[in-house]
Structure formats: structure tokens, C-alpha cells
Amino acid sequence: MGLFIGTAEAMGLPGGGSGGSGAGGLGGFTGLVPLLLMFVIFYFLLIRPQQKKAKKHREMLANVKRGDSVITNGGIYGRVAEINDQVIILEVADKVRIKVARGYLAGIAGPGQETAPPPPQKPA
């Protein structure tokens, strides 16, 4: 038991165990600056662009109307046949309709894109 007490005393803080930083009042501020800088960088590189993208997607979903050609997140192209509160019915072929949750629309397809675009050509 005496061995453990001696070891604990040897591992004590130097200088009487005060534990002060000795840098005055600036010790906490200088440690905070890198954290604030990292937050600012994350905000402008990650958070703000994601918020802009989400706002643009919400606006697109609000402006979808009957007859628009759209593409889903799963890659299905179709024409909007009906719009309900949270469900959009897409016509993907003649007399073939599917229900899709409104949030799963990826975007409005350009003119003439009712079918999938051709796969990219591999260079020879």
C-alpha cells in the first residue's frame, strides 16, 4: 500500500499543485481562436452551400406542376400526371403510372429528356 501512495505523490503537480496556466487571462482566449476559425471555415465550406441547395430543392418542389417532366432520385424519368399533398403520380409510359413521394423528386428534366440520357462513351 505504501508503494502506491508514494507513486501518487510522485505524480503530483509541480510547484505545489496550483495548476494555474501562468499565462494570465489569455490562456482561454488563445485556445478558443482556432475553434472559432474552424467553425467559420466549416460554415462557409459545408453548412452554407448545403442550406442554399436545400432551399433551391424546396422551391423546385413547390413549383412542380402537372405536365412537367421530372426525374426522381432513383433515376426514373416521367411526366407529372397528378399532384397531391405529399404524393406525385408520374406517368412513365402510356397508361403506366407510379406514385412517388414529393421529396424524392431530384429535379425537373430538360426538354426532350423523357427517357434516360445515353451512357457516356468510353474513350478508345
C-alpha atoms as a PDB file:
ATOM      1  CA  MET A   1       0.000   0.000   0.000  1.00  0.00           C
ATOM      2  CA  GLY A   2       2.861   2.376   0.785  1.00  0.00           C
ATOM      3  CA  LEU A   3       4.221   1.886  -2.740  1.00  0.00           C
ATOM      4  CA  PHE A   4       1.009   3.209  -4.308  1.00  0.00           C
ATOM      5  CA  ILE A   5       0.882   6.278  -2.071  1.00  0.00           C
ATOM      6  CA  GLY A   6       4.498   7.123  -2.872  1.00  0.00           C
ATOM      7  CA  THR A   7       3.794   6.784  -6.595  1.00  0.00           C
ATOM      8  CA  ALA A   8       0.730   9.031  -6.345  1.00  0.00           C
ATOM      9  CA  GLU A   9       2.752  11.705  -4.551  1.00  0.00           C
ATOM     10  CA  ALA A  10       5.491  11.496  -7.163  1.00  0.00           C
ATOM     11  CA  MET A  11       2.953  12.087  -9.947  1.00  0.00           C
ATOM     12  CA  GLY A  12       1.610  15.252  -8.291  1.00  0.00           C
ATOM     13  CA  LEU A  13       1.615  18.683  -9.920  1.00  0.00           C
ATOM     14  CA  PRO A  14       4.884  20.646  -9.831  1.00  0.00           C
ATOM     15  CA  GLY A  15       5.108  23.878  -7.899  1.00  0.00           C
ATOM     16  CA  GLY A  16       2.835  22.958  -5.041  1.00  0.00           C
ATOM     17  CA  GLY A  17      -0.005  21.733  -7.250  1.00  0.00           C
ATOM     18  CA  SER A  18      -1.541  25.116  -8.046  1.00  0.00           C
ATOM     19  CA  GLY A  19      -2.480  24.064 -11.597  1.00  0.00           C
ATOM     20  CA  GLY A  20      -2.541  27.652 -12.881  1.00  0.00           C
ATOM     21  CA  SER A  21      -1.669  28.309 -16.505  1.00  0.00           C
ATOM     22  CA  GLY A  22       0.695  31.153 -15.709  1.00  0.00           C
ATOM     23  CA  ALA A  23      -0.341  32.974 -18.920  1.00  0.00           C
ATOM     24  CA  GLY A  24      -2.721  35.356 -17.210  1.00  0.00           C
ATOM     25  CA  GLY A  25      -6.164  35.775 -18.746  1.00  0.00           C
ATOM     26  CA  LEU A  26      -5.136  34.983 -22.336  1.00  0.00           C
ATOM     27  CA  GLY A  27      -4.863  31.211 -21.857  1.00  0.00           C
ATOM     28  CA  GLY A  28      -8.537  30.556 -22.547  1.00  0.00           C
ATOM     29  CA  PHE A  29      -8.816  33.061 -25.411  1.00  0.00           C
ATOM     30  CA  THR A  30      -5.899  31.721 -27.440  1.00  0.00           C
ATOM     31  CA  GLY A  31      -7.337  28.210 -27.241  1.00  0.00           C
ATOM     32  CA  LEU A  32     -10.705  29.490 -28.461  1.00  0.00           C
ATOM     33  CA  VAL A  33      -9.418  31.220 -31.611  1.00  0.00           C
ATOM     34  CA  PRO A  34      -8.626  28.013 -33.557  1.00  0.00           C
ATOM     35  CA  LEU A  35     -12.057  26.596 -32.703  1.00  0.00           C
ATOM     36  CA  LEU A  36     -13.793  29.739 -33.924  1.00  0.00           C
ATOM     37  CA  LEU A  37     -11.682  29.741 -37.077  1.00  0.00           C
ATOM     38  CA  MET A  38     -12.590  26.099 -37.756  1.00  0.00           C
ATOM     39  CA  PHE A  39     -16.293  26.860 -37.261  1.00  0.00           C
ATOM     40  CA  VAL A  40     -16.136  29.767 -39.722  1.00  0.00           C
ATOM     41  CA  ILE A  41     -14.385  27.588 -42.302  1.00  0.00           C
ATOM     42  CA  PHE A  42     -16.930  24.769 -41.853  1.00  0.00           C
ATOM     43  CA  TYR A  43     -19.784  27.258 -42.137  1.00  0.00           C
ATOM     44  CA  PHE A  44     -18.646  28.706 -45.456  1.00  0.00           C
ATOM     45  CA  LEU A  45     -17.451  25.434 -46.995  1.00  0.00           C
ATOM     46  CA  LEU A  46     -20.102  22.972 -45.771  1.00  0.00           C
ATOM     47  CA  ILE A  47     -23.104  24.420 -43.960  1.00  0.00           C
ATOM     48  CA  ARG A  48     -23.968  27.453 -46.104  1.00  0.00           C
ATOM     49  CA  PRO A  49     -23.783  25.677 -49.504  1.00  0.00           C
ATOM     50  CA  GLN A  50     -25.914  22.828 -48.138  1.00  0.00           C
ATOM     51  CA  GLN A  51     -28.548  25.305 -46.918  1.00  0.00           C
ATOM     52  CA  LYS A  52     -28.622  27.005 -50.330  1.00  0.00           C
ATOM     53  CA  LYS A  53     -29.021  23.647 -52.073  1.00  0.00           C
ATOM     54  CA  ALA A  54     -31.848  22.616 -49.717  1.00  0.00           C
ATOM     55  CA  LYS A  55     -33.636  25.948 -50.279  1.00  0.00           C
ATOM     56  CA  LYS A  56     -33.375  25.551 -54.058  1.00  0.00           C
ATOM     57  CA  HIS A  57     -34.764  21.985 -53.805  1.00  0.00           C
ATOM     58  CA  ARG A  58     -37.706  23.150 -51.647  1.00  0.00           C
ATOM     59  CA  GLU A  59     -38.514  25.879 -54.179  1.00  0.00           C
ATOM     60  CA  MET A  60     -38.356  23.359 -57.028  1.00  0.00           C
ATOM     61  CA  LEU A  61     -40.745  21.015 -55.192  1.00  0.00           C
ATOM     62  CA  ALA A  62     -43.161  23.866 -54.538  1.00  0.00           C
ATOM     63  CA  ASN A  63     -43.162  24.889 -58.220  1.00  0.00           C
ATOM     64  CA  VAL A  64     -43.716  21.444 -59.770  1.00  0.00           C
ATOM     65  CA  LYS A  65     -46.922  21.442 -61.774  1.00  0.00           C
ATOM     66  CA  ARG A  66     -48.930  18.969 -63.792  1.00  0.00           C
ATOM     67  CA  GLY A  67     -47.329  18.145 -67.144  1.00  0.00           C
ATOM     68  CA  ASP A  68     -43.723  18.787 -66.041  1.00  0.00           C
ATOM     69  CA  SER A  69     -41.111  16.215 -66.999  1.00  0.00           C
ATOM     70  CA  VAL A  70     -39.215  15.248 -63.853  1.00  0.00           C
ATOM     71  CA  ILE A  71     -36.564  12.825 -62.684  1.00  0.00           C
ATOM     72  CA  THR A  72     -36.607  11.044 -59.327  1.00  0.00           C
ATOM     73  CA  ASN A  73     -33.691  10.311 -57.006  1.00  0.00           C
ATOM     74  CA  GLY A  74     -33.878   6.716 -58.250  1.00  0.00           C
ATOM     75  CA  GLY A  75     -33.315   7.833 -61.844  1.00  0.00           C
ATOM     76  CA  ILE A  76     -36.881   7.381 -63.111  1.00  0.00           C
ATOM     77  CA  TYR A  77     -37.988   9.874 -65.738  1.00  0.00           C
ATOM     78  CA  GLY A  78     -41.660  10.671 -66.011  1.00  0.00           C
ATOM     79  CA  ARG A  79     -44.328  13.269 -66.588  1.00  0.00           C
ATOM     80  CA  VAL A  80     -46.353  14.593 -63.652  1.00  0.00           C
ATOM     81  CA  ALA A  81     -49.936  13.336 -64.031  1.00  0.00           C
ATOM     82  CA  GLU A  82     -51.343  14.327 -60.627  1.00  0.00           C
ATOM     83  CA  ILE A  83     -50.100  16.221 -57.599  1.00  0.00           C
ATOM     84  CA  ASN A  84     -51.371  15.596 -54.085  1.00  0.00           C
ATOM     85  CA  ASP A  85     -50.078  16.996 -50.809  1.00  0.00           C
ATOM     86  CA  GLN A  86     -47.119  14.625 -50.361  1.00  0.00           C
ATOM     87  CA  VAL A  87     -47.538  12.237 -53.319  1.00  0.00           C
ATOM     88  CA  ILE A  88     -46.933  12.866 -57.002  1.00  0.00           C
ATOM     89  CA  ILE A  89     -48.214  10.434 -59.599  1.00  0.00           C
ATOM     90  CA  LEU A  90     -45.845  10.093 -62.531  1.00  0.00           C
ATOM     91  CA  GLU A  91     -46.711   8.702 -65.920  1.00  0.00           C
ATOM     92  CA  VAL A  92     -43.627   6.801 -67.043  1.00  0.00           C
ATOM     93  CA  ALA A  93     -45.173   5.260 -70.170  1.00  0.00           C
ATOM     94  CA  ASP A  94     -48.582   5.163 -71.846  1.00  0.00           C
ATOM     95  CA  LYS A  95     -51.102   4.203 -69.155  1.00  0.00           C
ATOM     96  CA  VAL A  96     -48.307   3.327 -66.696  1.00  0.00           C
ATOM     97  CA  ARG A  97     -48.399   5.446 -63.556  1.00  0.00           C
ATOM     98  CA  ILE A  98     -46.393   5.252 -60.355  1.00  0.00           C
ATOM     99  CA  LYS A  99     -46.689   7.067 -57.053  1.00  0.00           C
ATOM    100  CA  VAL A 100     -43.631   8.906 -55.817  1.00  0.00           C
ATOM    101  CA  ALA A 101     -43.198  10.854 -52.590  1.00  0.00           C
ATOM    102  CA  ARG A 102     -42.794  14.523 -53.382  1.00  0.00           C
ATOM    103  CA  GLY A 103     -39.465  14.756 -51.547  1.00  0.00           C
ATOM    104  CA  TYR A 104     -37.912  12.132 -53.831  1.00  0.00           C
ATOM    105  CA  LEU A 105     -38.021  14.276 -56.943  1.00  0.00           C
ATOM    106  CA  ALA A 106     -34.463  15.161 -57.895  1.00  0.00           C
ATOM    107  CA  GLY A 107     -35.331  17.853 -60.381  1.00  0.00           C
ATOM    108  CA  ILE A 108     -37.176  18.928 -63.467  1.00  0.00           C
ATOM    109  CA  ALA A 109     -35.884  17.216 -66.594  1.00  0.00           C
ATOM    110  CA  GLY A 110     -34.923  19.341 -69.529  1.00  0.00           C
ATOM    111  CA  PRO A 111     -36.963  19.360 -72.722  1.00  0.00           C
ATOM    112  CA  GLY A 112     -36.706  16.098 -74.631  1.00  0.00           C
ATOM    113  CA  GLN A 113     -35.365  14.155 -71.639  1.00  0.00           C
ATOM    114  CA  GLU A 114     -38.362  11.902 -71.055  1.00  0.00           C
ATOM    115  CA  THR A 115     -36.012   8.955 -71.498  1.00  0.00           C
ATOM    116  CA  ALA A 116     -32.714   8.331 -69.804  1.00  0.00           C
ATOM    117  CA  PRO A 117     -29.715  10.032 -71.388  1.00  0.00           C
ATOM    118  CA  PRO A 118     -27.368   7.738 -73.267  1.00  0.00           C
ATOM    119  CA  PRO A 119     -24.478   6.292 -71.247  1.00  0.00           C
ATOM    120  CA  PRO A 120     -21.178   8.127 -71.591  1.00  0.00           C
ATOM    121  CA  GLN A 121     -18.863   6.851 -74.298  1.00  0.00           C
ATOM    122  CA  LYS A 122     -15.609   5.264 -73.172  1.00  0.00           C
ATOM    123  CA  PRO A 123     -12.538   6.706 -74.853  1.00  0.00           C
ATOM    124  CA  ALA A 124     -10.903   4.294 -77.269  1.00  0.00           C
END
